[in-house]
Structure formats: structure tokens, C-alpha cells
Amino acid sequence: MSIVYQYENTSLQFSDNQGNIAHRGVLASNLNGSPALTDFPTTTTGDSLGHYHYTDDTSKALKFLNVSGSGNGGHQFWNVSNANTPVKYFEVNKDNSILNTVLKNDSNLTNINFNSNEITLRSSSNSIQLNATQSNLIVRNNATSETSYVQSDNLSVGNDINNTQIRIYSTIMRMSDPQYWNTSNTSSIVINKLSSTEQSQLTSQTLTLTNTANNSSILSATDLTFNGINVKMNQVTPTLIYSSPLIYADGIAPANGLGIRNAYGYSGWYFKNILSGTKINWYFPPKSTTTTVAELKGISISFFNGATTSNDDTLYLTVYTRPTGSNDYAPGFFHSSMTYVFDQTITPIANTNYQGVCIINKSLIPSNYETQIQYEPSTVNNPRGTYSQTDNILAVVIGTNSASATNSVELVVNKLNLIYADFTQSYLLVPP
């Protein structure tokens, strides 16, 4: 048996047989410094240290008081086990609260993971879920397979079942099947048909439409193009052309062709090589003296083929460029030339309306009651000289072969169209 000395004005408190202790008054521990606090302090406590339990006078809640002297103080929660050394899970002090684990409710519908910096909120049915990290905010509807994303560089709403999505970047908005997204650095809105190459794209400058055959049109403030061809090309400026030595030059002058006009209702400039060695060289000017080869986007010629049944005897088209004084093919006449001839795989049919087209594809040129023929560069001594896209055009010439057999060439030319990017010059040939 031992003797215990007790301080004056103190008492001993014992547990019951089960070890329970019922304590009255203020519970304090780890005291150091000034005398123990009996009441909740109303002023600073100097260098005192200690931990106290009080009861709030109004709510009767338990009030934990840490007396921290010159330290930050607060409360810390730790755990140690047979598998882990001591780990601090939670701390609250005068400056902040620190949680190093997952905060969640019993249903696990609200979950804040402080280790991965992730927040997850779920509906009671678990069909709607929100997930937030430092780089993503995701709202998911599992019932409809729809998901919304907020990321640092874009916003998107998508559907997993049909694989469609709307995505907004700082410079672009897309509404599309994602497999067709091929750029994200153009300021535009893009709409794609699901599982198709059909697409429309709107930028600050243009609207582009593309179909499944990769045909496309582009609308801008000043132009409208179809497969790269500006519709301005088909804004026709007609000019009536009368026969003149300046035009037929060293060739045969045009005739009126009344026989064909009366029989077939076709009029224009008529020629037939009724004399051996005769030919035509009908010259037509470009839109200006500085018009380059590159500016001439195409040529079309409407003509009636009379008795001609050989593609070698059919009229051809030649583009001559202006002499430069340097490496001219024909000094004083022309610098270079390019000749286009009737499709050599096709035999012309007598008494037939034709439209010959060169430089540009014939499918892009309108025709009226005519058989379209794609003219192609001649393979005989062609081009002559160095034919450059920067050369200035001298003339576009309608010609025939002087070596053709007598009476094998017969034609009536109705009009010649010179096609530029901004308009088409149509020369209408008035019969003499």
C-alpha cells in the first residue's frame, strides 16, 4: 500500500469498475507556463501552453482550446498502424485547415480527394456524375451517354453512342464526328455530317461547303468559287466583232456561210478551204497589253462543224505571247506560244454544233445545244519557245491546218470566250 500526497484545494476522481470516468469542471492537459485556465479566456494567454475542454454557454457544444504560446497552434489528427508509420491526416490551426485524405459522406455520393486534387459528385441513382480536377470539369449522364467537358483550352459536349460532339476552342467551334477533326488552329465553326466527308466551315473571312465527292464552294466578301473556279468567270461581257484585216491578217477572210445558216440556223464567221493551202488565222486580243498567261483561266469556242471528219482538220487555238527582245521564238512577232487541238481520240461529226474548251475543264463551262470537246495541248512542236505563266499575252488565235486536203475543212465560228478570274470576255462574230 502506498501513500499519496494531495495538493491543497484539489480532489481525486476515480473511475467506476468499468474504467469510466465522469469528470466535472475544465479538462486540461500538457500545461506549461502560467497558471491553468479555469474559464474560457477573453485575452491573450502569453507563453502558456496547454489543451482544454470547455462547454459553450449557449449551444452547450464542446469547445476545444489549444493554448499555443508563440506557435501557430491548432489541432492535428494522426494515425499509426502495423502497416504504416505515423501519418497526419488532418490539421486545423489559426491560419488554415489541412486534409491529406479523402473527404466523403456515407453514401460516397460526395467525394473530395485531397491527394489527387479531385472532386466527385454523384446523383442518388448514380446516373449523373460530376468530376473536377485541376485540368478538367466533367459532367456525365450515364443514362444518355452524354458528357460535358470544361478544359483549359476548350469546352465540349459529346455523346458516346453516336460519337458526336460540339467543341469550342478560343479560336474555333466544331460540330462534328471527331474522326474528321483535322485542325484546331483556324478561327472557324466546322460542321461535319456523321461518318461522311460532308462539311461546312465558317471563318471570319469565308464560308466553305464540301460534299462527299470533295466538290467544294467558297464564299468570301468578294468572291464565290466552285472547285476553285470563281463564278465571276461566268459574268459575260459580250463584244460584237466584225470582219477586219486586223483580225484575219495573213489568213482567209471570213465568209457569211448562208448555206449553213439556212440549213441549220447557225451563223457566224464561215470558212471552207476550197483552195489548196488556204487556212484561217483570226486574231483576238486579251483584256489588256499586260494580261499574263496565268490570268487567262480558260478559253471556249462555239463553232459549227460542216464537212470536217478528221480531228487533224478541225480548228485549233493558239495563245501567243508578246516579244520581249530576249529569247523570242519569232523576233518581232511573238516570244512563245501554246497550241490546243481537238481531242485526238474523238472523230468530229459533220454538221454538228461543238464547243471546244481548253486550259479549264469543260465541266466548268456552260454550253447550249453543243457537244463539248476538251481541247488538249498539241504534241507537234508545242509549245514554241519558253512559254511562261508570267509572259504577257499578245493574242488568242483561231487557226486551221493549211496542209489539209481541199474541201476537208468547213466551219462556222459563232463566238470565242476568253475566261478570266473576274469576268469572261465573249467575242460574238457577226457574219460579213
Protein backbone atom coordinates (compact mmCIF):
# COMPACT_ATOMS: atom_id res chain seq x y z
CA MET A 1 0.00 0.00 0.00
CA SER A 2 1.31 3.48 -0.93
CA ILE A 3 0.65 6.91 0.49
CA VAL A 4 -0.47 9.65 -1.98
CA TYR A 5 0.00 13.31 -1.11
CA GLN A 6 -2.66 15.61 -2.39
CA TYR A 7 -2.31 19.33 -3.10
CA GLU A 8 -4.40 21.74 -1.11
CA ASN A 9 -7.71 22.68 -2.73
CA THR A 10 -7.59 19.61 -5.02
CA SER A 11 -9.59 16.40 -5.19
CA LEU A 12 -9.14 12.91 -6.62
CA GLN A 13 -11.53 11.43 -9.23
CA PHE A 14 -11.81 7.69 -9.63
CA SER A 15 -13.29 5.56 -12.38
CA ASP A 16 -16.05 3.08 -11.87
CA ASN A 17 -15.48 -0.66 -12.08
CA GLN A 18 -15.65 -0.49 -15.91
CA GLY A 19 -12.99 2.24 -16.10
CA ASN A 20 -15.39 5.05 -16.96
CA ILE A 21 -14.52 8.49 -15.64
CA ALA A 22 -17.12 11.20 -15.21
CA HIS A 23 -15.26 14.50 -14.94
CA ARG A 24 -16.69 17.79 -13.70
CA GLY A 25 -15.06 21.14 -14.47
CA VAL A 26 -12.47 22.08 -17.09
CA LEU A 27 -10.41 19.22 -18.55
CA ALA A 28 -6.84 20.29 -19.33
CA SER A 29 -3.60 18.57 -20.30
CA ASN A 30 0.03 19.26 -21.20
CA LEU A 31 0.03 22.53 -19.29
CA ASN A 32 3.09 24.72 -19.15
CA GLY A 33 3.72 28.35 -18.30
CA SER A 34 1.17 30.46 -16.46
CA PRO A 35 -1.40 29.01 -14.11
CA ALA A 36 -4.10 26.77 -15.55
CA LEU A 37 -7.15 28.43 -17.08
CA THR A 38 -10.38 27.85 -15.23
CA ASP A 39 -12.58 29.92 -17.54
CA PHE A 40 -12.51 30.40 -21.32
CA PRO A 41 -10.00 33.23 -21.85
CA THR A 42 -11.03 36.65 -23.05
CA THR A 43 -7.50 37.99 -23.54
CA THR A 44 -4.19 36.68 -24.84
CA THR A 45 -2.51 33.95 -22.80
CA GLY A 46 1.15 34.87 -23.13
CA ASP A 47 3.59 31.96 -23.23
CA SER A 48 1.15 29.49 -21.71
CA LEU A 49 0.79 26.08 -23.34
CA GLY A 50 -1.98 23.55 -22.95
CA HIS A 51 -5.09 21.84 -24.23
CA TYR A 52 -8.51 22.49 -22.72
CA HIS A 53 -12.10 21.26 -22.99
CA TYR A 54 -14.88 23.76 -22.35
CA THR A 55 -18.64 23.78 -22.79
CA ASP A 56 -20.15 26.62 -24.83
CA ASP A 57 -22.53 28.57 -22.61
CA THR A 58 -25.17 29.00 -25.32
CA SER A 59 -25.12 25.88 -27.53
CA LYS A 60 -23.56 23.63 -24.88
CA ALA A 61 -21.18 22.36 -27.59
CA LEU A 62 -17.75 21.07 -26.72
CA LYS A 63 -15.09 23.76 -27.28
CA PHE A 64 -11.54 22.58 -27.87
CA LEU A 65 -8.98 25.23 -26.89
CA ASN A 66 -5.32 24.98 -27.77
CA VAL A 67 -3.12 27.45 -25.90
CA SER A 68 -0.09 27.71 -28.15
CA GLY A 69 2.14 30.42 -26.77
CA SER A 70 4.15 31.79 -29.72
CA GLY A 71 3.31 28.85 -32.07
CA ASN A 72 0.57 28.54 -34.70
CA GLY A 73 -1.21 26.09 -32.51
CA GLY A 74 -4.26 24.20 -33.60
CA HIS A 75 -5.16 20.53 -33.61
CA GLN A 76 -3.68 17.58 -35.54
CA PHE A 77 -5.11 14.13 -36.21
CA TRP A 78 -2.66 11.28 -36.76
CA ASN A 79 -2.81 7.55 -37.34
CA VAL A 80 -0.29 4.78 -36.96
CA SER A 81 -0.82 1.08 -37.57
CA ASN A 82 1.03 -2.17 -38.03
CA ALA A 83 1.37 -1.27 -41.72
CA ASN A 84 2.01 2.48 -41.62
CA THR A 85 4.26 4.77 -39.66
CA PRO A 86 2.52 7.82 -38.19
CA VAL A 87 0.59 9.74 -40.88
CA LYS A 88 -1.02 13.14 -40.33
CA TYR A 89 -4.49 13.12 -41.92
CA PHE A 90 -5.94 16.40 -40.70
CA GLU A 91 -4.73 19.63 -39.18
CA VAL A 92 -6.51 22.84 -38.28
CA ASN A 93 -4.66 25.88 -36.98
CA LYS A 94 -5.18 29.62 -36.75
CA ASP A 95 -4.23 30.07 -40.45
CA ASN A 96 -5.82 27.14 -42.30
CA SER A 97 -7.11 23.59 -42.34
CA ILE A 98 -5.14 20.80 -44.00
CA LEU A 99 -6.72 17.48 -45.02
CA ASN A 100 -4.47 14.80 -46.52
CA THR A 101 -7.05 12.14 -47.29
CA VAL A 102 -10.46 11.69 -48.92
CA LEU A 103 -13.47 13.60 -47.62
CA LYS A 104 -16.78 11.89 -48.38
CA ASN A 105 -20.21 11.14 -46.99
CA ASP A 106 -21.54 7.71 -46.01
CA SER A 107 -23.24 7.19 -49.40
CA ASN A 108 -20.00 8.05 -51.22
CA LEU A 109 -22.04 10.39 -53.49
CA THR A 110 -19.89 13.34 -52.46
CA ASN A 111 -16.18 12.62 -52.62
CA ILE A 112 -13.28 15.10 -52.27
CA ASN A 113 -9.86 13.53 -52.76
CA PHE A 114 -7.17 15.84 -51.39
CA ASN A 115 -4.37 13.55 -52.58
CA SER A 116 -5.33 13.65 -56.28
CA ASN A 117 -6.99 17.10 -56.08
CA GLU A 118 -10.24 15.65 -57.39
CA ILE A 119 -13.91 16.25 -56.54
CA THR A 120 -16.63 13.75 -57.48
CA LEU A 121 -20.36 14.35 -57.05
CA ARG A 122 -22.94 11.70 -57.93
CA SER A 123 -26.73 11.65 -58.04
CA SER A 124 -28.56 9.22 -55.77
CA SER A 125 -29.23 6.96 -58.77
CA ASN A 126 -25.58 7.27 -59.83
CA SER A 127 -26.75 8.28 -63.35
CA ILE A 128 -25.36 11.81 -63.18
CA GLN A 129 -21.79 12.39 -62.13
CA LEU A 130 -19.58 15.50 -61.85
CA ASN A 131 -15.83 15.11 -61.70
CA ALA A 132 -13.50 18.08 -61.20
CA THR A 133 -9.69 18.14 -61.25
CA GLN A 134 -7.16 20.92 -61.71
CA SER A 135 -7.38 20.44 -65.53
CA ASN A 136 -10.91 19.11 -66.17
CA LEU A 137 -14.52 19.60 -65.17
CA ILE A 138 -16.62 16.68 -66.42
CA VAL A 139 -20.39 16.23 -66.10
CA ARG A 140 -21.57 12.79 -67.18
CA ASN A 141 -25.09 11.44 -67.77
CA ASN A 142 -24.69 7.67 -67.82
CA ALA A 143 -28.32 7.13 -68.81
CA THR A 144 -27.93 9.04 -72.11
CA SER A 145 -24.16 8.57 -72.59
CA GLU A 146 -23.73 12.35 -72.79
CA THR A 147 -20.72 14.13 -71.34
CA SER A 148 -19.77 17.79 -70.97
CA TYR A 149 -16.15 18.86 -70.52
CA VAL A 150 -14.56 22.11 -69.39
CA GLN A 151 -10.81 22.15 -70.03
CA SER A 152 -8.21 24.90 -70.05
CA ASP A 153 -8.37 25.32 -73.84
CA ASN A 154 -11.87 24.14 -74.83
CA LEU A 155 -15.47 23.36 -73.90
CA SER A 156 -17.23 20.31 -75.31
CA VAL A 157 -20.47 18.32 -75.17
CA GLY A 158 -20.50 14.84 -76.63
CA ASN A 159 -22.46 11.62 -76.96
CA ASP A 160 -20.63 8.30 -76.69
CA ILE A 161 -23.27 6.28 -78.52
CA ASN A 162 -23.28 8.16 -81.83
CA ASN A 163 -19.76 9.57 -81.33
CA THR A 164 -20.77 13.17 -81.97
CA GLN A 165 -19.52 16.24 -80.18
CA ILE A 166 -19.61 20.03 -80.07
CA ARG A 167 -16.30 21.59 -79.07
CA ILE A 168 -15.45 25.25 -78.59
CA TYR A 169 -11.84 26.46 -78.56
CA SER A 170 -10.64 30.03 -78.17
CA THR A 171 -10.33 30.24 -81.97
CA ILE A 172 -12.67 27.54 -83.31
CA MET A 173 -16.05 25.89 -82.78
CA ARG A 174 -16.65 22.36 -84.09
CA MET A 175 -19.86 20.38 -84.51
CA SER A 176 -18.75 17.07 -85.90
CA ASP A 177 -17.90 13.43 -85.84
CA PRO A 178 -14.48 13.68 -84.13
CA GLN A 179 -12.79 11.44 -86.71
CA TYR A 180 -12.96 14.35 -89.16
CA TRP A 181 -11.35 16.91 -86.86
CA ASN A 182 -8.06 17.71 -88.50
CA THR A 183 -7.21 21.15 -87.19
CA SER A 184 -7.68 23.33 -84.14
CA ASN A 185 -5.74 26.44 -85.07
CA THR A 186 -8.13 28.14 -87.52
CA SER A 187 -10.73 30.62 -86.31
CA SER A 188 -13.83 28.85 -87.57
CA ILE A 189 -17.02 26.90 -86.97
CA VAL A 190 -16.96 23.44 -88.56
CA ILE A 191 -19.99 21.19 -89.09
CA ASN A 192 -19.42 17.60 -90.26
CA LYS A 193 -22.03 15.02 -91.11
CA LEU A 194 -21.53 11.85 -89.09
CA SER A 195 -19.38 9.27 -90.92
CA SER A 196 -19.19 11.44 -94.01
CA THR A 197 -16.81 13.90 -95.62
CA GLU A 198 -19.62 16.44 -95.99
CA GLN A 199 -18.51 19.58 -94.21
CA SER A 200 -19.21 23.27 -93.84
CA GLN A 201 -16.66 25.64 -92.34
CA LEU A 202 -17.27 29.25 -91.39
CA THR A 203 -14.34 31.55 -90.67
CA SER A 204 -14.18 35.30 -90.21
CA GLN A 205 -13.38 35.54 -93.93
CA THR A 206 -15.07 32.64 -95.76
CA LEU A 207 -17.80 30.01 -95.79
CA THR A 208 -16.69 26.68 -97.31
CA LEU A 209 -19.06 23.83 -98.26
CA THR A 210 -17.73 20.38 -99.22
CA ASN A 211 -19.72 17.32 -100.31
CA THR A 212 -18.91 13.61 -100.30
CA ALA A 213 -17.31 13.87 -103.74
CA ASN A 214 -14.92 16.55 -102.40
CA ASN A 215 -16.58 19.22 -104.53
CA SER A 216 -16.36 22.50 -102.66
CA SER A 217 -17.58 26.06 -102.83
CA ILE A 218 -16.07 29.05 -101.03
CA LEU A 219 -17.93 32.26 -100.36
CA SER A 220 -15.98 35.36 -99.33
CA ALA A 221 -16.81 39.03 -99.19
CA THR A 222 -15.70 39.48 -102.79
CA ASP A 223 -15.81 36.04 -104.45
CA LEU A 224 -17.76 32.82 -104.82
CA THR A 225 -15.86 29.83 -106.18
CA PHE A 226 -16.86 26.30 -107.12
CA ASN A 227 -13.94 23.86 -107.04
CA GLY A 228 -11.60 26.82 -107.30
CA ILE A 229 -13.48 28.44 -110.19
CA ASN A 230 -14.80 31.91 -109.45
CA VAL A 231 -18.37 32.50 -110.62
CA LYS A 232 -17.16 35.89 -111.81
CA MET A 233 -15.67 33.95 -114.70
CA ASN A 234 -19.21 33.48 -115.95
CA GLN A 235 -20.07 37.16 -115.75
CA VAL A 236 -20.00 37.60 -119.50
CA THR A 237 -19.04 40.82 -121.25
CA PRO A 238 -20.15 40.45 -124.91
CA THR A 239 -18.47 42.32 -127.75
CA LEU A 240 -19.64 42.25 -131.37
CA ILE A 241 -16.75 41.56 -133.74
CA TYR A 242 -16.93 42.42 -137.45
CA SER A 243 -14.56 41.12 -140.08
CA SER A 244 -11.37 43.16 -140.41
CA PRO A 245 -7.91 42.63 -141.92
CA LEU A 246 -6.55 43.35 -138.42
CA ILE A 247 -8.24 40.15 -137.32
CA TYR A 248 -7.87 37.74 -140.24
CA ALA A 249 -4.35 39.06 -141.02
CA ASP A 250 -2.42 36.58 -143.19
CA GLY A 251 -5.30 34.09 -143.35
CA ILE A 252 -8.51 33.88 -145.33
CA ALA A 253 -11.18 36.46 -144.53
CA PRO A 254 -14.41 35.07 -143.06
CA ALA A 255 -17.45 34.48 -145.30
CA ASN A 256 -21.12 34.62 -144.30
CA GLY A 257 -21.97 30.91 -144.57
CA LEU A 258 -25.53 31.46 -145.74
CA GLY A 259 -25.88 27.82 -146.77
CA ILE A 260 -25.27 26.57 -143.20
CA ARG A 261 -27.33 29.39 -141.71
CA ASN A 262 -30.30 28.50 -143.90
CA ALA A 263 -29.94 24.75 -143.43
CA TYR A 264 -29.02 24.61 -139.73
CA GLY A 265 -29.84 28.00 -138.26
CA TYR A 266 -26.21 28.61 -137.28
CA SER A 267 -24.49 31.90 -138.05
CA GLY A 268 -21.08 33.41 -137.57
CA TRP A 269 -17.81 33.56 -139.49
CA TYR A 270 -17.64 30.89 -142.19
CA PHE A 271 -14.58 29.24 -143.73
CA LYS A 272 -14.04 26.37 -146.14
CA ASN A 273 -10.68 25.52 -147.73
CA ILE A 274 -11.96 25.38 -151.27
CA LEU A 275 -8.46 26.32 -152.44
CA SER A 276 -5.44 24.17 -151.67
CA GLY A 277 -3.12 25.50 -148.94
CA THR A 278 -5.58 28.02 -147.54
CA LYS A 279 -6.17 28.46 -143.83
CA ILE A 280 -7.50 30.91 -141.25
CA ASN A 281 -5.57 32.91 -138.64
CA TRP A 282 -8.13 35.00 -136.77
CA TYR A 283 -6.53 37.12 -134.02
CA PHE A 284 -8.33 38.26 -130.85
CA PRO A 285 -6.79 40.47 -128.15
CA PRO A 286 -6.57 39.81 -124.39
CA LYS A 287 -8.19 42.22 -121.96
CA SER A 288 -5.05 44.40 -121.79
CA THR A 289 -1.47 44.58 -123.04
CA THR A 290 -0.25 43.39 -119.65
CA THR A 291 -2.55 40.38 -119.32
CA THR A 292 -0.39 37.40 -118.35
CA VAL A 293 -0.76 33.78 -119.32
CA ALA A 294 -1.66 33.00 -115.69
CA GLU A 295 -4.58 35.41 -115.81
CA LEU A 296 -6.21 33.56 -118.71
CA LYS A 297 -8.10 30.84 -116.85
CA GLY A 298 -9.69 29.24 -119.87
CA ILE A 299 -10.87 29.52 -123.48
CA SER A 300 -14.09 28.25 -125.03
CA ILE A 301 -15.09 28.43 -128.69
CA SER A 302 -18.54 27.72 -130.13
CA PHE A 303 -18.48 26.51 -133.72
CA PHE A 304 -20.45 24.51 -136.25
CA ASN A 305 -18.50 21.70 -137.87
CA GLY A 306 -19.55 21.40 -141.52
CA ALA A 307 -17.88 18.77 -143.71
CA THR A 308 -14.83 18.10 -141.49
CA THR A 309 -14.48 14.48 -140.35
CA SER A 310 -10.87 14.44 -139.13
CA ASN A 311 -9.65 15.88 -135.81
CA ASP A 312 -6.44 16.94 -137.59
CA ASP A 313 -8.51 19.16 -139.89
CA THR A 314 -10.58 20.75 -137.13
CA LEU A 315 -9.84 24.30 -135.98
CA TYR A 316 -7.25 24.81 -133.23
CA LEU A 317 -6.48 27.59 -130.73
CA THR A 318 -3.12 29.23 -130.12
CA VAL A 319 -2.07 31.64 -127.39
CA TYR A 320 0.79 33.92 -128.49
CA THR A 321 2.86 35.96 -126.02
CA ARG A 322 4.38 39.35 -126.65
CA PRO A 323 8.00 39.54 -127.81
CA THR A 324 10.45 40.63 -125.12
CA GLY A 325 13.59 41.09 -127.19
CA SER A 326 15.23 38.23 -125.32
CA ASN A 327 15.00 34.60 -126.49
CA ASP A 328 11.95 35.37 -128.63
CA TYR A 329 10.86 32.38 -130.71
CA ALA A 330 9.89 34.72 -133.60
CA PRO A 331 11.69 38.03 -133.05
CA GLY A 332 9.46 40.98 -133.78
CA PHE A 333 6.38 38.71 -133.82
CA PHE A 334 5.99 36.62 -130.67
CA HIS A 335 8.02 35.38 -127.72
CA SER A 336 6.34 31.98 -127.24
CA SER A 337 3.11 30.16 -127.99
CA MET A 338 0.92 27.27 -126.86
CA THR A 339 -1.47 25.47 -129.24
CA TYR A 340 -4.56 23.49 -128.19
CA VAL A 341 -6.20 20.97 -130.54
CA PHE A 342 -9.41 18.96 -130.80
CA ASP A 343 -9.37 15.80 -128.64
CA GLN A 344 -7.30 13.41 -130.76
CA THR A 345 -9.27 10.37 -129.57
CA ILE A 346 -12.55 11.76 -130.95
CA THR A 347 -13.60 11.89 -134.59
CA PRO A 348 -15.61 15.04 -135.36
CA ILE A 349 -19.08 14.53 -136.76
CA ALA A 350 -20.16 16.56 -139.77
CA ASN A 351 -22.91 19.14 -139.39
CA THR A 352 -22.64 19.23 -135.59
CA ASN A 353 -22.53 22.06 -133.05
CA TYR A 354 -19.37 21.90 -130.93
CA GLN A 355 -17.91 23.81 -128.03
CA GLY A 356 -14.17 23.46 -127.67
CA VAL A 357 -12.71 24.16 -124.21
CA CYS A 358 -9.06 24.42 -123.22
CA ILE A 359 -6.96 25.34 -120.14
CA ILE A 360 -10.04 24.94 -117.93
CA ASN A 361 -12.05 21.72 -117.54
CA LYS A 362 -15.06 21.65 -119.85
CA SER A 363 -17.36 20.53 -117.00
CA LEU A 364 -16.99 24.01 -115.50
CA ILE A 365 -18.11 25.84 -118.64
CA PRO A 366 -21.81 26.20 -119.53
CA SER A 367 -22.86 25.11 -123.01
CA ASN A 368 -26.02 25.49 -125.08
CA TYR A 369 -27.06 22.77 -127.52
CA GLU A 370 -23.40 21.94 -128.14
CA THR A 371 -21.17 18.89 -127.86
CA GLN A 372 -18.35 19.84 -125.54
CA ILE A 373 -14.84 18.80 -126.51
CA GLN A 374 -11.86 19.13 -124.20
CA TYR A 375 -9.09 20.65 -126.26
CA GLU A 376 -5.61 19.48 -125.31
CA PRO A 377 -2.08 20.80 -125.89
CA SER A 378 -0.77 19.80 -129.30
CA THR A 379 2.07 17.29 -129.36
CA VAL A 380 3.60 18.77 -132.54
CA ASN A 381 6.25 21.46 -132.00
CA ASN A 382 4.42 22.73 -128.95
CA PRO A 383 4.96 24.88 -127.04
CA ARG A 384 7.14 27.05 -129.17
CA GLY A 385 9.72 28.94 -127.16
CA THR A 386 9.71 29.16 -123.38
CA TYR A 387 6.02 29.54 -122.56
CA SER A 388 5.80 31.07 -119.08
CA GLN A 389 2.83 31.92 -116.88
CA THR A 390 4.31 35.39 -116.42
CA ASP A 391 4.51 36.13 -120.16
CA ASN A 392 2.15 38.84 -121.45
CA ILE A 393 -0.41 37.61 -123.96
CA LEU A 394 -0.25 39.03 -127.49
CA ALA A 395 -3.36 37.35 -128.92
CA VAL A 396 -5.56 34.28 -128.93
CA VAL A 397 -5.77 32.93 -132.46
CA ILE A 398 -8.26 30.62 -134.19
CA GLY A 399 -6.40 28.65 -136.83
CA THR A 400 -6.67 25.74 -139.25
CA ASN A 401 -4.17 23.46 -140.95
CA SER A 402 -3.04 24.77 -144.35
CA ALA A 403 -1.94 21.22 -145.24
CA SER A 404 -5.47 19.83 -145.04
CA ALA A 405 -6.91 18.40 -148.22
CA THR A 406 -9.04 20.75 -150.29
CA ASN A 407 -12.67 20.96 -149.11
CA SER A 408 -11.88 18.92 -145.92
CA VAL A 409 -12.17 21.92 -143.60
CA GLU A 410 -15.54 23.59 -143.17
CA LEU A 411 -16.70 25.54 -140.13
CA VAL A 412 -18.71 28.46 -138.77
CA VAL A 413 -17.42 30.15 -135.60
CA ASN A 414 -20.15 31.80 -133.56
CA LYS A 415 -18.21 33.10 -130.55
CA LEU A 416 -14.89 32.97 -128.74
CA ASN A 417 -14.84 33.31 -124.94
CA LEU A 418 -11.70 34.33 -123.06
CA ILE A 419 -12.21 33.42 -119.41
CA TYR A 420 -10.54 35.44 -116.65
CA ALA A 421 -10.86 35.25 -112.87
CA ASP A 422 -13.15 38.28 -112.69
CA PHE A 423 -15.18 38.02 -115.92
CA THR A 424 -15.48 36.35 -119.33
CA GLN A 425 -14.86 38.33 -122.49
CA SER A 426 -17.17 36.97 -125.17
CA TYR A 427 -16.33 37.88 -128.77
CA LEU A 428 -19.51 37.46 -130.84
CA LEU A 429 -18.63 37.05 -134.54
CA VAL A 430 -21.03 38.97 -136.77
CA PRO A 431 -21.35 37.45 -140.29
CA PRO A 432 -19.96 39.66 -143.10
